[in-house]
Amino acid sequence: QVNLEESGGGSVQSGGSLTLSCAASGVTFSSYCMGWFRQAPGKKREGVAILDNYPQHPDGQRRYADSVKGRFTISLDSVKKETYLQMTGLNAEDTAIYYCALDPWACSPTSEAVLENGGAHMDYWGKGTQVTISS
C-alpha cells in the first residue's frame, strides 16, 4: 500500500519561501509520476508541478503551471523516495492546501496532461499541507 505524507507547510509573509516535502512509503515500482497540486478555498484543484522519472526521461521531465514558473522547483530524492517543492517569491495567490500525488511508472498520457487536469487520474494522494501567505 502506497502512502504519501506531506510536510513543510506553514504561514509566511509575501515574498517569503517554503519547501514542502512528500515522503512516499510502500513504493515498489522503480519509476513514477510525482506531482504537487493545490486547492484554494472555493477553487478547483490545480496542478502546480509535475516530475516524471520514467527511465526514458533520465533528466526527469518537469512541468510547471505558468503561475509558478521561475518561482517553484520540484525535485526528487529517489533513494529516500521523497519529493520536494521549493517555493520562492510567495504571494497571496499561492495560499492553498498543497497535495502531493503519485502514479506508478510514468505520467499518463503526458506530464503536461497531468498538470492540466489537476491530477484527475493520479492513483495515490497525501492528505495535504496548508500554505498561507500573508501580505
Protein backbone atom coordinates (compact mmCIF):
# COMPACT_ATOMS: atom_id res chain seq x y z
CA GLN A 1 0.00 0.00 0.00
CA VAL A 2 1.48 3.33 -1.08
CA ASN A 3 1.31 6.07 1.49
CA LEU A 4 2.21 9.73 0.90
CA GLU A 5 2.76 12.26 3.65
CA GLU A 6 3.34 15.96 3.07
CA SER A 7 5.16 18.27 5.46
CA GLY A 8 6.65 21.74 5.48
CA GLY A 9 3.54 23.84 5.15
CA GLY A 10 3.00 26.93 7.25
CA SER A 11 2.44 30.65 7.25
CA VAL A 12 4.89 33.08 5.71
CA GLN A 13 4.81 36.66 4.58
CA SER A 14 4.53 37.69 0.99
CA GLY A 15 7.88 37.34 -0.76
CA GLY A 16 8.96 34.56 1.54
CA SER A 17 9.92 30.96 0.82
CA LEU A 18 8.87 27.49 1.88
CA THR A 19 9.94 24.00 0.96
CA LEU A 20 7.35 21.24 1.03
CA SER A 21 8.32 17.60 1.34
CA CYS A 22 6.42 14.48 0.38
CA ALA A 23 7.59 11.19 1.82
CA ALA A 24 6.46 8.07 -0.01
CA SER A 25 6.31 4.64 1.55
CA GLY A 26 5.24 1.30 0.15
CA VAL A 27 6.57 2.20 -3.32
CA THR A 28 7.70 -0.94 -5.10
CA PHE A 29 7.92 0.34 -8.66
CA SER A 30 11.13 1.83 -9.98
CA SER A 31 9.71 4.87 -11.72
CA TYR A 32 6.71 7.06 -11.20
CA CYS A 33 4.97 10.29 -11.92
CA MET A 34 5.06 12.67 -8.98
CA GLY A 35 3.08 15.82 -8.72
CA TRP A 36 2.23 18.73 -6.49
CA PHE A 37 -1.27 20.10 -6.65
CA ARG A 38 -3.08 22.76 -4.70
CA GLN A 39 -6.60 23.79 -3.89
CA ALA A 40 -7.56 27.21 -2.65
CA PRO A 41 -10.91 27.88 -0.93
CA GLY A 42 -13.71 27.99 -3.47
CA LYS A 43 -11.47 26.93 -6.32
CA LYS A 44 -10.90 23.65 -8.09
CA ARG A 45 -7.71 21.73 -7.63
CA GLU A 46 -4.91 22.73 -9.96
CA GLY A 47 -1.61 21.25 -10.97
CA VAL A 48 1.46 23.08 -9.71
CA ALA A 49 4.46 20.95 -10.66
CA ILE A 50 4.99 17.51 -12.14
CA LEU A 51 8.07 15.29 -12.30
CA ASP A 52 8.20 12.16 -14.42
CA ASN A 53 11.24 9.98 -13.68
CA TYR A 54 10.44 7.30 -16.22
CA PRO A 55 13.81 5.85 -17.40
CA GLN A 56 13.43 7.26 -20.89
CA HIS A 57 13.49 10.67 -19.28
CA PRO A 58 16.85 10.45 -17.46
CA ASP A 59 16.84 14.10 -16.54
CA GLY A 60 13.40 13.91 -15.03
CA GLN A 61 10.74 15.55 -17.13
CA ARG A 62 9.38 18.53 -15.26
CA ARG A 63 6.35 20.69 -15.90
CA TYR A 64 5.13 23.75 -14.05
CA ALA A 65 1.98 25.78 -14.00
CA ASP A 66 2.51 29.15 -15.65
CA SER A 67 1.67 30.88 -12.37
CA VAL A 68 4.66 29.31 -10.59
CA LYS A 69 7.28 29.10 -13.32
CA GLY A 70 10.55 30.61 -12.18
CA ARG A 71 9.43 30.58 -8.54
CA PHE A 72 8.80 26.90 -7.73
CA THR A 73 11.10 23.93 -8.24
CA ILE A 74 10.14 20.26 -7.98
CA SER A 75 12.83 17.72 -7.18
CA LEU A 76 13.12 14.08 -6.21
CA ASP A 77 15.40 12.12 -3.94
CA SER A 78 14.92 8.68 -5.44
CA VAL A 79 16.86 6.98 -2.65
CA LYS A 80 14.75 8.47 0.12
CA LYS A 81 11.67 8.38 -2.10
CA GLU A 82 10.93 11.96 -1.17
CA THR A 83 9.70 14.71 -3.44
CA TYR A 84 10.23 18.37 -2.70
CA LEU A 85 8.62 21.59 -3.81
CA GLN A 86 10.81 24.62 -3.26
CA MET A 87 8.69 27.74 -3.32
CA THR A 88 10.08 31.25 -3.51
CA GLY A 89 8.58 34.66 -4.12
CA LEU A 90 5.35 33.54 -2.47
CA ASN A 91 2.29 35.73 -2.75
CA ALA A 92 -1.30 35.63 -1.52
CA GLU A 93 -2.44 33.73 -4.62
CA ASP A 94 -0.27 30.82 -3.51
CA THR A 95 -2.37 30.31 -0.38
CA ALA A 96 -3.91 26.85 -0.61
CA ILE A 97 -3.76 23.31 0.63
CA TYR A 98 -0.93 21.58 -1.19
CA TYR A 99 -1.14 17.89 -2.03
CA CYS A 100 1.40 15.51 -3.42
CA ALA A 101 0.29 12.67 -5.62
CA LEU A 102 1.90 9.70 -7.32
CA ASP A 103 1.19 7.40 -10.23
CA PRO A 104 3.21 4.25 -10.90
CA TRP A 105 5.73 4.10 -13.75
CA ALA A 106 5.13 7.29 -15.74
CA CYS A 107 2.84 10.23 -16.22
CA SER A 108 -0.11 9.26 -18.36
CA PRO A 109 -0.80 10.26 -21.01
CA THR A 110 1.80 13.02 -20.58
CA SER A 111 3.18 15.10 -17.74
CA GLU A 112 1.61 18.14 -19.36
CA ALA A 113 -1.82 16.48 -19.33
CA VAL A 114 -1.47 15.51 -15.68
CA LEU A 115 -0.64 19.09 -14.84
CA GLU A 116 -3.56 20.49 -16.82
CA ASN A 117 -6.18 18.07 -15.47
CA GLY A 118 -5.19 18.70 -11.88
CA GLY A 119 -4.11 15.12 -11.35
CA ALA A 120 -7.60 13.78 -12.03
CA HIS A 121 -6.34 10.24 -12.58
CA MET A 122 -3.45 10.05 -10.12
CA ASP A 123 -3.64 6.88 -8.05
CA TYR A 124 -2.20 7.93 -4.70
CA TRP A 125 -2.63 11.13 -2.70
CA GLY A 126 -1.37 12.62 0.50
CA LYS A 127 -3.67 14.38 2.97
CA GLY A 128 -2.30 17.81 2.17
CA THR A 129 -0.47 20.59 3.96
CA GLN A 130 -1.71 24.15 4.40
CA VAL A 131 0.31 27.03 2.98
CA THR A 132 -0.81 30.52 3.97
CA ILE A 133 0.78 33.68 2.64
CA SER A 134 0.10 36.93 4.42
CA SER A 135 0.67 40.37 2.93
